[in-house]
Amino acid sequence: MSSVNSPPSPISESIRMHLLNMERLTGLNCKEWLRNWRLALSIAGKLHLTEYPIPVPQEQVIIKGSYDESKEIRDFMLSTIDPEFRKDFESLGPYELMQLVEKRFQKPVEEE
């Protein structure tokens, strides 16, 4: 009996469950949403996928692997965004998605 092995998920099941149980991004909870994602990706060793844009895959396996992981993480991130905002982020990678979330929802730091 042969079975088809799917590639391992870039995020462990326990981290997935935590992220799925957190409140969806609504705009008001931007800081908490970003913190949860950065923490989860850091634990999974995938924070680098949000630190710079991942290019479209080339012939190189390393870039292809990063692109595939990036796409899977982006899709999972989208599932934690309120549907009202989700369409604005669908074409972005994790790096661009987090940059736009910060730009759109974080309040400017007020001077004391």
C-alpha atoms as a PDB file:
ATOM      1  CA  MET A   1       0.000   0.000   0.000  1.00  0.00           C
ATOM      2  CA  SER A   2       1.554   3.284  -1.047  1.00  0.00           C
ATOM      3  CA  SER A   3       0.580   6.626   0.331  1.00  0.00           C
ATOM      4  CA  VAL A   4       1.178  10.043  -1.072  1.00  0.00           C
ATOM      5  CA  ASN A   5       3.142  12.148   1.360  1.00  0.00           C
ATOM      6  CA  SER A   6       2.241  15.788   1.468  1.00  0.00           C
ATOM      7  CA  PRO A   7       4.960  18.233   2.431  1.00  0.00           C
ATOM      8  CA  PRO A   8       5.011  19.132   6.121  1.00  0.00           C
ATOM      9  CA  SER A   9       3.187  22.291   7.052  1.00  0.00           C
ATOM     10  CA  PRO A  10       5.449  25.243   7.864  1.00  0.00           C
ATOM     11  CA  ILE A  11       3.391  25.781  11.052  1.00  0.00           C
ATOM     12  CA  SER A  12       2.875  23.069  13.684  1.00  0.00           C
ATOM     13  CA  GLU A  13      -0.622  21.901  14.552  1.00  0.00           C
ATOM     14  CA  SER A  14      -0.563  23.437  18.049  1.00  0.00           C
ATOM     15  CA  ILE A  15       0.432  26.843  16.660  1.00  0.00           C
ATOM     16  CA  ARG A  16      -2.236  26.531  13.955  1.00  0.00           C
ATOM     17  CA  MET A  17      -4.889  25.891  16.614  1.00  0.00           C
ATOM     18  CA  HIS A  18      -3.742  28.913  18.629  1.00  0.00           C
ATOM     19  CA  LEU A  19      -3.905  31.163  15.568  1.00  0.00           C
ATOM     20  CA  LEU A  20      -7.293  29.841  14.496  1.00  0.00           C
ATOM     21  CA  ASN A  21      -8.689  30.490  17.975  1.00  0.00           C
ATOM     22  CA  MET A  22      -7.456  34.064  18.173  1.00  0.00           C
ATOM     23  CA  GLU A  23      -9.688  36.961  17.209  1.00  0.00           C
ATOM     24  CA  ARG A  24      -9.666  37.746  13.490  1.00  0.00           C
ATOM     25  CA  LEU A  25      -7.999  40.937  12.342  1.00  0.00           C
ATOM     26  CA  THR A  26     -10.626  43.658  12.487  1.00  0.00           C
ATOM     27  CA  GLY A  27      -8.408  46.699  12.440  1.00  0.00           C
ATOM     28  CA  LEU A  28      -8.879  47.534  16.106  1.00  0.00           C
ATOM     29  CA  ASN A  29      -6.777  44.542  17.180  1.00  0.00           C
ATOM     30  CA  CYS A  30      -3.925  45.107  14.719  1.00  0.00           C
ATOM     31  CA  LYS A  31      -1.138  45.187  17.290  1.00  0.00           C
ATOM     32  CA  GLU A  32      -2.242  41.940  18.950  1.00  0.00           C
ATOM     33  CA  TRP A  33      -2.798  40.204  15.584  1.00  0.00           C
ATOM     34  CA  LEU A  34       0.690  41.151  14.355  1.00  0.00           C
ATOM     35  CA  ARG A  35       2.266  40.120  17.671  1.00  0.00           C
ATOM     36  CA  ASN A  36       0.543  36.717  17.582  1.00  0.00           C
ATOM     37  CA  TRP A  37       1.662  36.080  14.013  1.00  0.00           C
ATOM     38  CA  ARG A  38       5.250  37.169  14.638  1.00  0.00           C
ATOM     39  CA  LEU A  39       5.442  34.980  17.739  1.00  0.00           C
ATOM     40  CA  ALA A  40       3.954  31.946  15.958  1.00  0.00           C
ATOM     41  CA  LEU A  41       6.212  32.316  12.927  1.00  0.00           C
ATOM     42  CA  SER A  42       9.235  32.856  15.148  1.00  0.00           C
ATOM     43  CA  ILE A  43       8.498  29.634  17.058  1.00  0.00           C
ATOM     44  CA  ALA A  44       8.047  27.807  13.738  1.00  0.00           C
ATOM     45  CA  GLY A  45      11.336  29.240  12.441  1.00  0.00           C
ATOM     46  CA  LYS A  46       9.499  30.999   9.585  1.00  0.00           C
ATOM     47  CA  LEU A  47       9.636  34.639  10.663  1.00  0.00           C
ATOM     48  CA  HIS A  48      12.039  35.328   7.790  1.00  0.00           C
ATOM     49  CA  LEU A  49       9.093  34.903   5.403  1.00  0.00           C
ATOM     50  CA  THR A  50       7.676  38.183   6.745  1.00  0.00           C
ATOM     51  CA  GLU A  51      10.942  40.119   6.776  1.00  0.00           C
ATOM     52  CA  TYR A  52      11.410  40.541   3.029  1.00  0.00           C
ATOM     53  CA  PRO A  53       9.425  39.801  -0.138  1.00  0.00           C
ATOM     54  CA  ILE A  54       9.735  36.255  -1.492  1.00  0.00           C
ATOM     55  CA  PRO A  55      10.244  36.282  -5.279  1.00  0.00           C
ATOM     56  CA  VAL A  56       8.122  34.219  -7.633  1.00  0.00           C
ATOM     57  CA  PRO A  57       9.701  30.754  -7.829  1.00  0.00           C
ATOM     58  CA  GLN A  58      12.564  30.188 -10.204  1.00  0.00           C
ATOM     59  CA  GLU A  59      14.323  26.972 -11.133  1.00  0.00           C
ATOM     60  CA  GLN A  60      16.131  26.915  -7.806  1.00  0.00           C
ATOM     61  CA  VAL A  61      14.621  24.519  -5.298  1.00  0.00           C
ATOM     62  CA  ILE A  62      15.468  26.746  -2.321  1.00  0.00           C
ATOM     63  CA  ILE A  63      13.517  29.685  -3.710  1.00  0.00           C
ATOM     64  CA  LYS A  64      10.652  27.402  -4.773  1.00  0.00           C
ATOM     65  CA  GLY A  65      10.467  25.954  -1.246  1.00  0.00           C
ATOM     66  CA  SER A  66      10.401  29.423   0.285  1.00  0.00           C
ATOM     67  CA  TYR A  67       7.724  30.520  -2.180  1.00  0.00           C
ATOM     68  CA  ASP A  68       5.554  27.494  -1.381  1.00  0.00           C
ATOM     69  CA  GLU A  69       5.906  28.073   2.374  1.00  0.00           C
ATOM     70  CA  SER A  70       5.249  31.761   1.897  1.00  0.00           C
ATOM     71  CA  LYS A  71       2.074  31.035  -0.074  1.00  0.00           C
ATOM     72  CA  GLU A  72       0.804  28.551   2.533  1.00  0.00           C
ATOM     73  CA  ILE A  73       1.473  30.974   5.375  1.00  0.00           C
ATOM     74  CA  ARG A  74      -0.183  33.829   3.445  1.00  0.00           C
ATOM     75  CA  ASP A  75      -3.289  31.677   2.868  1.00  0.00           C
ATOM     76  CA  PHE A  76      -3.424  30.809   6.561  1.00  0.00           C
ATOM     77  CA  MET A  77      -2.934  34.474   7.505  1.00  0.00           C
ATOM     78  CA  LEU A  78      -5.857  35.401   5.259  1.00  0.00           C
ATOM     79  CA  SER A  79      -8.069  32.963   7.157  1.00  0.00           C
ATOM     80  CA  THR A  80      -7.426  35.019  10.325  1.00  0.00           C
ATOM     81  CA  ILE A  81      -8.497  38.325   8.770  1.00  0.00           C
ATOM     82  CA  ASP A  82     -12.061  39.569   8.963  1.00  0.00           C
ATOM     83  CA  PRO A  83     -13.776  38.913   5.607  1.00  0.00           C
ATOM     84  CA  GLU A  84     -14.529  42.632   5.281  1.00  0.00           C
ATOM     85  CA  PHE A  85     -10.789  43.323   4.879  1.00  0.00           C
ATOM     86  CA  ARG A  86      -9.559  40.021   3.422  1.00  0.00           C
ATOM     87  CA  LYS A  87      -9.997  40.907  -0.253  1.00  0.00           C
ATOM     88  CA  ASP A  88      -7.528  43.785   0.131  1.00  0.00           C
ATOM     89  CA  PHE A  89      -4.769  41.342   1.103  1.00  0.00           C
ATOM     90  CA  GLU A  90      -5.406  38.327  -1.149  1.00  0.00           C
ATOM     91  CA  SER A  91      -2.761  39.078  -3.766  1.00  0.00           C
ATOM     92  CA  LEU A  92       0.019  39.788  -1.269  1.00  0.00           C
ATOM     93  CA  GLY A  93       2.738  37.617   0.234  1.00  0.00           C
ATOM     94  CA  PRO A  94       3.254  37.459   4.027  1.00  0.00           C
ATOM     95  CA  TYR A  95       5.807  40.298   4.012  1.00  0.00           C
ATOM     96  CA  GLU A  96       3.613  42.653   2.005  1.00  0.00           C
ATOM     97  CA  LEU A  97       0.518  41.599   3.947  1.00  0.00           C
ATOM     98  CA  MET A  98       2.080  42.448   7.309  1.00  0.00           C
ATOM     99  CA  GLN A  99       3.455  45.732   5.963  1.00  0.00           C
ATOM    100  CA  LEU A 100       0.013  46.772   4.709  1.00  0.00           C
ATOM    101  CA  VAL A 101      -1.701  45.713   7.954  1.00  0.00           C
ATOM    102  CA  GLU A 102       0.740  47.860   9.926  1.00  0.00           C
ATOM    103  CA  LYS A 103       0.328  50.807   7.573  1.00  0.00           C
ATOM    104  CA  ARG A 104      -3.446  50.622   7.426  1.00  0.00           C
ATOM    105  CA  PHE A 105      -4.415  49.814  10.997  1.00  0.00           C
ATOM    106  CA  GLN A 106      -1.724  50.911  13.430  1.00  0.00           C
ATOM    107  CA  LYS A 107      -2.238  54.276  15.023  1.00  0.00           C
ATOM    108  CA  PRO A 108       0.683  56.681  14.796  1.00  0.00           C
ATOM    109  CA  VAL A 109       2.716  56.948  17.974  1.00  0.00           C
ATOM    110  CA  GLU A 110       1.614  60.033  19.859  1.00  0.00           C
ATOM    111  CA  GLU A 111       4.252  62.362  21.210  1.00  0.00           C
ATOM    112  CA  GLU A 112       4.180  62.905  24.944  1.00  0.00           C
END
